[in-house]
Amino acid sequence: MSQTDTRATVGEVPPSVLRRAIGASAIGNAVEWFDYGVYAYLTTHIAASLFPEGENGVLYTLLGFAVSFLIRPIGGLFWGPLGDKIGRKRVLAMTIILMATSTLAVGLIPSYAAIGIWAPILLYTCRVVQGFSAGGEYGGAATFMAEYAPDKRRGFFGSFLEVGTLVGFTVGNVIALLLVNTLDDASMQSWGWRLPFLLAAPLGLIGMYLRSRMEDTPVFRELEEEQKTEDTAAHVFKDLITKFARPILTLFGLVIALNVVNYTLLSYMPTYLQTTLGMDESDALLVPLFGQIAMLFTLPLFGMLSDRIGRRPMWMFSCIALVIAVIPMYLLIGTNLAGAIIGFAVLGMLYAPQLATISATFPAMFPTIVRFAGVAIGYNVATSLFGGTASAINEGIIDATGNSLVPAFYMLGACLIGIASAYFLIETKGLSLRGTEIPGTPESFEEQRELELERLAEEERRVSGRT
């Protein structure tokens, strides 16, 4: 029997169930990135409201952005093993409520003029809660999506998780743009910037409702029935360190490339355009909008392409293309508004093959028994160190050196790491995620043969029983 003959799958779920699973996964990502989007796009107004005047409030506000990421590994360490023990669904229901509540709370913080130092303290506290919950959200949502999707279309369906990302980001962008063009500076500083954060509450309730109506993934339920789920968090950590060091390190490098580009390009760009290039706030918010919309509609196409040619070629192409294009495009961004829109759009489209495939790539790097934990921990440690800090690092180095190309150099270095990591990536397109071995390895192919033989034997027993 050939390797390709052993790509057994758990029985595919009905289309209606698959659509609900996509919606339940994607809405949490949308809430998370809506928060990051409005926080990034309204940084100057948050700084003016919650920090003392003339005290470098923009940098301190960006540090608040970084704080939420520095806490994410702790969230990953907590939620990841829990998700491998009690299931993906239950953890995702808890994380979306925590995320929505912390986002809502940011919009309710009194100004610095009203409560003094407690304003930034409360802001950082909310960002800590947000980061802790997000530490389980992405790894869980990606795992949930990947385990529900048909094996041969995992790239296509997984891309919709990132559609949720860009929908949240783009909606945050549009709302910020409308507020900036509707309200004066005084209104924006006192109450206008708060409005988007208040929208998190209904979004979170919708997400909670969708997730509460779903069963756990077929892959996890199969493992649970066989009583092979991890008993304790200690076992998960031990297995990750002793058995899965290579995928953890590979994931770490891929996430450095992914999230340095992501947060430098998507989150930091409006602040960069305003504070470094002196662009008007309305224009600075307009620049990312067209590129994000283009990315949003092309993500499913890139996901579908990855189902045909594989995840590894998509990552190699994206990282190499960004290494070549990032400095010329940042020079173009520095020319004028039209140049900034074109430069951002080009970089966004070159980045999209990474973004479209992460939900299919990362969960497939680990077996079911430690999948949630492996993705949550590996993803969040790399993100906290190199992704969420990107805005503050870029701003700080630009302030120290005066070099406006710092973001380009930062992205270039991260993509070189991504190229090296993609070289070690095991190709998993079309492979089943069942079992206790890493998909794509010889051990996994042998395990898939055994699972398929068990399935055929069970089918034969059912047929014999009917006759």
Foldseek 3Di string as FASTA:
>chain_A
DDLLVLQDADPADDPVQLVLLLVLLQLLLLLLLLLLQLLLLCLVLLLLFAHDPPPPSSLLSLVLLLLLLLLLLVLLLPQQLVCLAVHLLVLQLVLLQQQLVLLLVLLVQGGCVVVNPVRSVSSSVSSNSNSSSVLQSPLSSLLQNQLNDAQLQSLLSSLSSVLSNLVSNLVSLVLSLVLPVPDDSVCSNHRSSSVSSNVSVVSSVVSSVSSVPHDGGPQSVVCVVVVNADDDSVVLVVCCVPPPVLLLVLLLLQLLLLQLLVCLQRRQQLVLCCPQLNDDSSLSSVQVNVLSVVLSVCLSVLSNVCSVVFLLVLLLQLLVVLLVQLQVLLVQLSPDSVSSNVSSNVNSVSSSNSSSRPSNQQLLQFASNSSSSSCSNSNSVSCSVRRSCSNSVQVVVCVVPVDSCSSSVSSNVSSVSSNVSSVSRQTANSHYRHDHDRHRDPVVSVVSVVVVVVVVVVVVVVVVVVD
